[in-house]
PDB file of N, CA and C in Angstrom:
ATOM      1  N   MET A   1     -11.992  11.036 -18.190  1.00  0.00           N
ATOM      2  CA  MET A   1     -11.417  10.123 -17.232  1.00  0.00           C
ATOM      3  C   MET A   1     -11.495   8.756 -17.935  1.00  0.00           C
ATOM      4  N   ALA A   2     -10.443   7.987 -17.868  1.00  0.00           N
ATOM      5  CA  ALA A   2     -10.347   6.629 -18.492  1.00  0.00           C
ATOM      6  C   ALA A   2     -10.698   5.515 -17.394  1.00  0.00           C
ATOM      7  N   THR A   3     -11.036   4.474 -17.878  1.00  0.00           N
ATOM      8  CA  THR A   3     -11.322   3.325 -16.853  1.00  0.00           C
ATOM      9  C   THR A   3     -10.642   2.018 -17.332  1.00  0.00           C
ATOM     10  N   GLY A   4     -10.318   1.159 -16.385  1.00  0.00           N
ATOM     11  CA  GLY A   4      -9.715  -0.023 -16.734  1.00  0.00           C
ATOM     12  C   GLY A   4      -9.592  -0.841 -15.319  1.00  0.00           C
ATOM     13  N   THR A   5      -8.819  -1.914 -15.391  1.00  0.00           N
ATOM     14  CA  THR A   5      -8.660  -2.773 -14.259  1.00  0.00           C
ATOM     15  C   THR A   5      -7.213  -2.944 -13.981  1.00  0.00           C
ATOM     16  N   ILE A   6      -6.889  -3.116 -12.693  1.00  0.00           N
ATOM     17  CA  ILE A   6      -5.546  -3.256 -12.213  1.00  0.00           C
ATOM     18  C   ILE A   6      -5.122  -4.692 -12.872  1.00  0.00           C
ATOM     19  N   LYS A   7      -4.024  -4.538 -13.554  1.00  0.00           N
ATOM     20  CA  LYS A   7      -3.562  -5.846 -14.218  1.00  0.00           C
ATOM     21  C   LYS A   7      -2.408  -6.551 -13.339  1.00  0.00           C
ATOM     22  N   LYS A   8      -1.612  -5.629 -12.776  1.00  0.00           N
ATOM     23  CA  LYS A   8      -0.424  -6.161 -12.064  1.00  0.00           C
ATOM     24  C   LYS A   8       0.018  -5.148 -10.985  1.00  0.00           C
ATOM     25  N   VAL A   9       0.383  -5.568  -9.920  1.00  0.00           N
ATOM     26  CA  VAL A   9       0.953  -4.744  -8.798  1.00  0.00           C
ATOM     27  C   VAL A   9       2.303  -5.299  -8.389  1.00  0.00           C
ATOM     28  N   VAL A  10       3.367  -4.441  -8.483  1.00  0.00           N
ATOM     29  CA  VAL A  10       4.641  -4.813  -8.099  1.00  0.00           C
ATOM     30  C   VAL A  10       4.915  -4.174  -6.713  1.00  0.00           C
ATOM     31  N   ALA A  11       4.408  -4.788  -5.699  1.00  0.00           N
ATOM     32  CA  ALA A  11       4.296  -4.104  -4.264  1.00  0.00           C
ATOM     33  C   ALA A  11       5.679  -3.662  -3.802  1.00  0.00           C
ATOM     34  N   ASP A  12       6.716  -4.570  -3.978  1.00  0.00           N
ATOM     35  CA  ASP A  12       8.027  -4.324  -3.452  1.00  0.00           C
ATOM     36  C   ASP A  12       8.770  -3.130  -4.166  1.00  0.00           C
ATOM     37  N   ARG A  13       8.228  -2.758  -5.385  1.00  0.00           N
ATOM     38  CA  ARG A  13       8.776  -1.568  -6.174  1.00  0.00           C
ATOM     39  C   ARG A  13       7.935  -0.424  -6.243  1.00  0.00           C
ATOM     40  N   GLY A  14       6.683  -0.539  -5.746  1.00  0.00           N
ATOM     41  CA  GLY A  14       5.819   0.551  -5.644  1.00  0.00           C
ATOM     42  C   GLY A  14       5.142   1.076  -7.007  1.00  0.00           C
ATOM     43  N   PHE A  15       4.931   0.173  -7.858  1.00  0.00           N
ATOM     44  CA  PHE A  15       4.280   0.439  -9.076  1.00  0.00           C
ATOM     45  C   PHE A  15       3.407  -0.614  -9.575  1.00  0.00           C
ATOM     46  N   GLY A  16       2.697  -0.361 -10.649  1.00  0.00           N
ATOM     47  CA  GLY A  16       1.871  -1.438 -11.258  1.00  0.00           C
ATOM     48  C   GLY A  16       1.399  -1.093 -12.565  1.00  0.00           C
ATOM     49  N   PHE A  17       0.533  -1.829 -13.199  1.00  0.00           N
ATOM     50  CA  PHE A  17      -0.064  -1.549 -14.534  1.00  0.00           C
ATOM     51  C   PHE A  17      -1.548  -1.727 -14.500  1.00  0.00           C
ATOM     52  N   ILE A  18      -2.225  -0.890 -15.398  1.00  0.00           N
ATOM     53  CA  ILE A  18      -3.582  -0.929 -15.534  1.00  0.00           C
ATOM     54  C   ILE A  18      -3.882  -1.273 -16.973  1.00  0.00           C
ATOM     55  N   ALA A  19      -4.899  -2.278 -17.165  1.00  0.00           N
ATOM     56  CA  ALA A  19      -5.309  -2.696 -18.578  1.00  0.00           C
ATOM     57  C   ALA A  19      -6.547  -1.791 -18.691  1.00  0.00           C
ATOM     58  N   ALA A  20      -6.386  -0.796 -19.652  1.00  0.00           N
ATOM     59  CA  ALA A  20      -7.479   0.108 -19.894  1.00  0.00           C
ATOM     60  C   ALA A  20      -8.498  -0.475 -20.909  1.00  0.00           C
ATOM     61  N   GLU A  21      -9.641   0.222 -20.833  1.00  0.00           N
ATOM     62  CA  GLU A  21     -10.758  -0.140 -21.917  1.00  0.00           C
ATOM     63  C   GLU A  21     -10.355   0.147 -23.327  1.00  0.00           C
ATOM     64  N   ASP A  22      -9.388   1.009 -23.469  1.00  0.00           N
ATOM     65  CA  ASP A  22      -8.861   1.333 -24.818  1.00  0.00           C
ATOM     66  C   ASP A  22      -7.899   0.334 -25.310  1.00  0.00           C
ATOM     67  N   ALA A  23      -7.768  -0.775 -24.703  1.00  0.00           N
ATOM     68  CA  ALA A  23      -6.851  -1.934 -25.120  1.00  0.00           C
ATOM     69  C   ALA A  23      -5.385  -1.579 -24.893  1.00  0.00           C
ATOM     70  N   LYS A  24      -5.081  -0.464 -24.187  1.00  0.00           N
ATOM     71  CA  LYS A  24      -3.644  -0.158 -23.922  1.00  0.00           C
ATOM     72  C   LYS A  24      -3.450  -0.493 -22.364  1.00  0.00           C
ATOM     73  N   GLU A  25      -2.099  -0.573 -22.138  1.00  0.00           N
ATOM     74  CA  GLU A  25      -1.633  -0.810 -20.788  1.00  0.00           C
ATOM     75  C   GLU A  25      -0.866   0.469 -20.241  1.00  0.00           C
ATOM     76  N   TYR A  26      -1.298   0.816 -19.020  1.00  0.00           N
ATOM     77  CA  TYR A  26      -0.678   1.981 -18.541  1.00  0.00           C
ATOM     78  C   TYR A  26       0.077   1.741 -17.273  1.00  0.00           C
ATOM     79  N   PHE A  27       1.302   2.292 -17.098  1.00  0.00           N
ATOM     80  CA  PHE A  27       2.075   2.276 -15.904  1.00  0.00           C
ATOM     81  C   PHE A  27       1.434   3.148 -14.867  1.00  0.00           C
ATOM     82  N   PHE A  28       1.480   2.850 -13.597  1.00  0.00           N
ATOM     83  CA  PHE A  28       1.177   3.743 -12.473  1.00  0.00           C
ATOM     84  C   PHE A  28       2.184   3.603 -11.457  1.00  0.00           C
ATOM     85  N   HIS A  29       2.382   4.607 -10.629  1.00  0.00           N
ATOM     86  CA  HIS A  29       3.347   4.636  -9.494  1.00  0.00           C
ATOM     87  C   HIS A  29       2.377   4.889  -8.226  1.00  0.00           C
ATOM     88  N   ARG A  30       2.791   4.413  -7.033  1.00  0.00           N
ATOM     89  CA  ARG A  30       2.002   4.535  -5.909  1.00  0.00           C
ATOM     90  C   ARG A  30       1.727   5.973  -5.509  1.00  0.00           C
ATOM     91  N   ASP A  31       2.614   6.872  -5.898  1.00  0.00           N
ATOM     92  CA  ASP A  31       2.381   8.326  -5.808  1.00  0.00           C
ATOM     93  C   ASP A  31       1.212   8.914  -6.648  1.00  0.00           C
ATOM     94  N   GLY A  32       0.833   8.079  -7.698  1.00  0.00           N
ATOM     95  CA  GLY A  32      -0.312   8.548  -8.536  1.00  0.00           C
ATOM     96  C   GLY A  32      -1.585   8.064  -8.215  1.00  0.00           C
ATOM     97  N   LEU A  33      -1.734   7.437  -7.009  1.00  0.00           N
ATOM     98  CA  LEU A  33      -3.066   7.067  -6.482  1.00  0.00           C
ATOM     99  C   LEU A  33      -3.722   8.183  -5.788  1.00  0.00           C
ATOM    100  N   ASP A  34      -5.040   8.258  -5.976  1.00  0.00           N
ATOM    101  CA  ASP A  34      -5.918   9.129  -5.211  1.00  0.00           C
ATOM    102  C   ASP A  34      -5.904   8.637  -3.623  1.00  0.00           C
ATOM    103  N   SER A  35      -6.204   9.514  -2.733  1.00  0.00           N
ATOM    104  CA  SER A  35      -6.183   9.158  -1.354  1.00  0.00           C
ATOM    105  C   SER A  35      -7.186   8.163  -0.980  1.00  0.00           C
ATOM    106  N   SER A  36      -8.234   7.891  -1.881  1.00  0.00           N
ATOM    107  CA  SER A  36      -9.236   6.959  -1.526  1.00  0.00           C
ATOM    108  C   SER A  36      -8.719   5.529  -1.655  1.00  0.00           C
ATOM    109  N   LEU A  37      -7.658   5.248  -2.331  1.00  0.00           N
ATOM    110  CA  LEU A  37      -7.007   3.875  -2.642  1.00  0.00           C
ATOM    111  C   LEU A  37      -5.731   3.791  -1.692  1.00  0.00           C
ATOM    112  N   SER A  38      -5.603   2.602  -1.271  1.00  0.00           N
ATOM    113  CA  SER A  38      -4.265   2.210  -0.631  1.00  0.00           C
ATOM    114  C   SER A  38      -3.552   1.333  -1.461  1.00  0.00           C
ATOM    115  N   PHE A  39      -2.270   1.773  -1.791  1.00  0.00           N
ATOM    116  CA  PHE A  39      -1.391   0.928  -2.720  1.00  0.00           C
ATOM    117  C   PHE A  39      -1.248  -0.512  -2.102  1.00  0.00           C
ATOM    118  N   ASP A  40      -1.028  -0.607  -0.755  1.00  0.00           N
ATOM    119  CA  ASP A  40      -0.776  -1.859  -0.173  1.00  0.00           C
ATOM    120  C   ASP A  40      -1.988  -2.845  -0.214  1.00  0.00           C
ATOM    121  N   ARG A  41      -3.137  -2.355  -0.546  1.00  0.00           N
ATOM    122  CA  ARG A  41      -4.388  -3.160  -0.536  1.00  0.00           C
ATOM    123  C   ARG A  41      -4.753  -3.539  -1.958  1.00  0.00           C
ATOM    124  N   LEU A  42      -4.134  -2.882  -3.007  1.00  0.00           N
ATOM    125  CA  LEU A  42      -4.510  -3.208  -4.347  1.00  0.00           C
ATOM    126  C   LEU A  42      -4.319  -4.685  -4.773  1.00  0.00           C
ATOM    127  N   VAL A  43      -5.208  -5.154  -5.552  1.00  0.00           N
ATOM    128  CA  VAL A  43      -5.060  -6.502  -6.077  1.00  0.00           C
ATOM    129  C   VAL A  43      -5.420  -6.403  -7.548  1.00  0.00           C
ATOM    130  N   GLY A  44      -5.067  -7.460  -8.298  1.00  0.00           N
ATOM    131  CA  GLY A  44      -5.388  -7.523  -9.745  1.00  0.00           C
ATOM    132  C   GLY A  44      -6.918  -7.608  -9.813  1.00  0.00           C
ATOM    133  N   GLY A  45      -7.446  -7.044 -10.959  1.00  0.00           N
ATOM    134  CA  GLY A  45      -8.772  -7.134 -11.249  1.00  0.00           C
ATOM    135  C   GLY A  45      -9.732  -5.980 -10.685  1.00  0.00           C
ATOM    136  N   GLU A  46      -9.206  -5.156  -9.898  1.00  0.00           N
ATOM    137  CA  GLU A  46     -10.013  -4.095  -9.354  1.00  0.00           C
ATOM    138  C   GLU A  46     -10.244  -3.019 -10.498  1.00  0.00           C
ATOM    139  N   LEU A  47     -11.559  -2.548 -10.402  1.00  0.00           N
ATOM    140  CA  LEU A  47     -11.958  -1.546 -11.535  1.00  0.00           C
ATOM    141  C   LEU A  47     -11.518  -0.167 -10.962  1.00  0.00           C
ATOM    142  N   VAL A  48     -10.811   0.579 -11.871  1.00  0.00           N
ATOM    143  CA  VAL A  48     -10.477   1.927 -11.474  1.00  0.00           C
ATOM    144  C   VAL A  48     -10.605   2.966 -12.508  1.00  0.00           C
ATOM    145  N   GLU A  49     -10.688   4.190 -12.139  1.00  0.00           N
ATOM    146  CA  GLU A  49     -10.729   5.308 -13.089  1.00  0.00           C
ATOM    147  C   GLU A  49      -9.409   6.087 -13.024  1.00  0.00           C
ATOM    148  N   PHE A  50      -8.955   6.630 -13.999  1.00  0.00           N
ATOM    149  CA  PHE A  50      -7.595   7.337 -13.994  1.00  0.00           C
ATOM    150  C   PHE A  50      -7.574   8.422 -15.077  1.00  0.00           C
ATOM    151  N   GLU A  51      -6.566   9.290 -14.947  1.00  0.00           N
ATOM    152  CA  GLU A  51      -6.255  10.299 -15.956  1.00  0.00           C
ATOM    153  C   GLU A  51      -4.937   9.813 -16.635  1.00  0.00           C
ATOM    154  N   ILE A  52      -4.786  10.165 -17.800  1.00  0.00           N
ATOM    155  CA  ILE A  52      -3.618   9.800 -18.495  1.00  0.00           C
ATOM    156  C   ILE A  52      -2.666  11.048 -18.673  1.00  0.00           C
ATOM    157  N   GLU A  53      -1.434  10.901 -18.245  1.00  0.00           N
ATOM    158  CA  GLU A  53      -0.540  12.127 -18.343  1.00  0.00           C
ATOM    159  C   GLU A  53       0.747  11.599 -19.126  1.00  0.00           C
ATOM    160  N   GLN A  54       1.420  12.621 -19.672  1.00  0.00           N
ATOM    161  CA  GLN A  54       2.612  12.250 -20.403  1.00  0.00           C
ATOM    162  C   GLN A  54       3.802  12.400 -19.450  1.00  0.00           C
ATOM    163  N   SER A  55       4.703  11.371 -19.541  1.00  0.00           N
ATOM    164  CA  SER A  55       5.845  11.399 -18.702  1.00  0.00           C
ATOM    165  C   SER A  55       7.174  11.230 -19.649  1.00  0.00           C
ATOM    166  N   PRO A  56       8.338  11.487 -19.187  1.00  0.00           N
ATOM    167  CA  PRO A  56       9.513  11.207 -20.116  1.00  0.00           C
ATOM    168  C   PRO A  56       9.510   9.821 -20.740  1.00  0.00           C
ATOM    169  N   LYS A  57       8.911   8.816 -20.093  1.00  0.00           N
ATOM    170  CA  LYS A  57       8.941   7.519 -20.696  1.00  0.00           C
ATOM    171  C   LYS A  57       7.617   7.056 -21.356  1.00  0.00           C
ATOM    172  N   GLY A  58       6.778   8.028 -21.627  1.00  0.00           N
ATOM    173  CA  GLY A  58       5.534   7.871 -22.341  1.00  0.00           C
ATOM    174  C   GLY A  58       4.294   8.036 -21.467  1.00  0.00           C
ATOM    175  N   PRO A  59       3.076   7.677 -21.887  1.00  0.00           N
ATOM    176  CA  PRO A  59       1.963   7.917 -21.092  1.00  0.00           C
ATOM    177  C   PRO A  59       1.869   7.117 -19.898  1.00  0.00           C
ATOM    178  N   ARG A  60       1.338   7.674 -18.740  1.00  0.00           N
ATOM    179  CA  ARG A  60       1.157   6.838 -17.576  1.00  0.00           C
ATOM    180  C   ARG A  60      -0.112   7.326 -16.845  1.00  0.00           C
ATOM    181  N   ALA A  61      -0.628   6.489 -16.026  1.00  0.00           N
ATOM    182  CA  ALA A  61      -1.884   6.732 -15.227  1.00  0.00           C
ATOM    183  C   ALA A  61      -1.567   7.588 -14.082  1.00  0.00           C
ATOM    184  N   SER A  62      -2.517   8.563 -13.784  1.00  0.00           N
ATOM    185  CA  SER A  62      -2.355   9.414 -12.639  1.00  0.00           C
ATOM    186  C   SER A  62      -3.772   9.564 -12.026  1.00  0.00           C
ATOM    187  N   ARG A  63      -3.779   9.974 -10.749  1.00  0.00           N
ATOM    188  CA  ARG A  63      -5.090  10.220 -10.127  1.00  0.00           C
ATOM    189  C   ARG A  63      -5.914   9.017 -10.172  1.00  0.00           C
ATOM    190  N   VAL A  64      -5.299   7.912  -9.870  1.00  0.00           N
ATOM    191  CA  VAL A  64      -6.019   6.569  -9.964  1.00  0.00           C
ATOM    192  C   VAL A  64      -6.947   6.517  -8.764  1.00  0.00           C
ATOM    193  N   ARG A  65      -8.227   6.130  -9.086  1.00  0.00           N
ATOM    194  CA  ARG A  65      -9.157   5.820  -7.915  1.00  0.00           C
ATOM    195  C   ARG A  65     -10.120   4.816  -8.183  1.00  0.00           C
ATOM    196  N   ALA A  66     -10.783   4.322  -7.214  1.00  0.00           N
ATOM    197  CA  ALA A  66     -11.731   3.290  -7.437  1.00  0.00           C
ATOM    198  C   ALA A  66     -12.932   3.694  -8.202  1.00  0.00           C
ATOM    199  N   ALA A  67     -13.452   2.879  -9.178  1.00  0.00           N
ATOM    200  CA  ALA A  67     -14.444   3.224 -10.109  1.00  0.00           C
ATOM    201  C   ALA A  67     -15.826   2.944  -9.390  1.00  0.00           C
TER     202      ALA A  67
END
């Protein structure tokens, strides 16, 4: 499981980005959040854990949850 912080949330479009500890940035979609997190309450700087999965557009974060 990877860890990082919420870098940016684009609330009106339903996605955001996580700045991971591996110095990479990962896209996430609101559908990729664990039930313990509410997309509407996410703010930048929150510490999260996530899994990395491959998508047609490259790696993205899934199963994002509070760390």
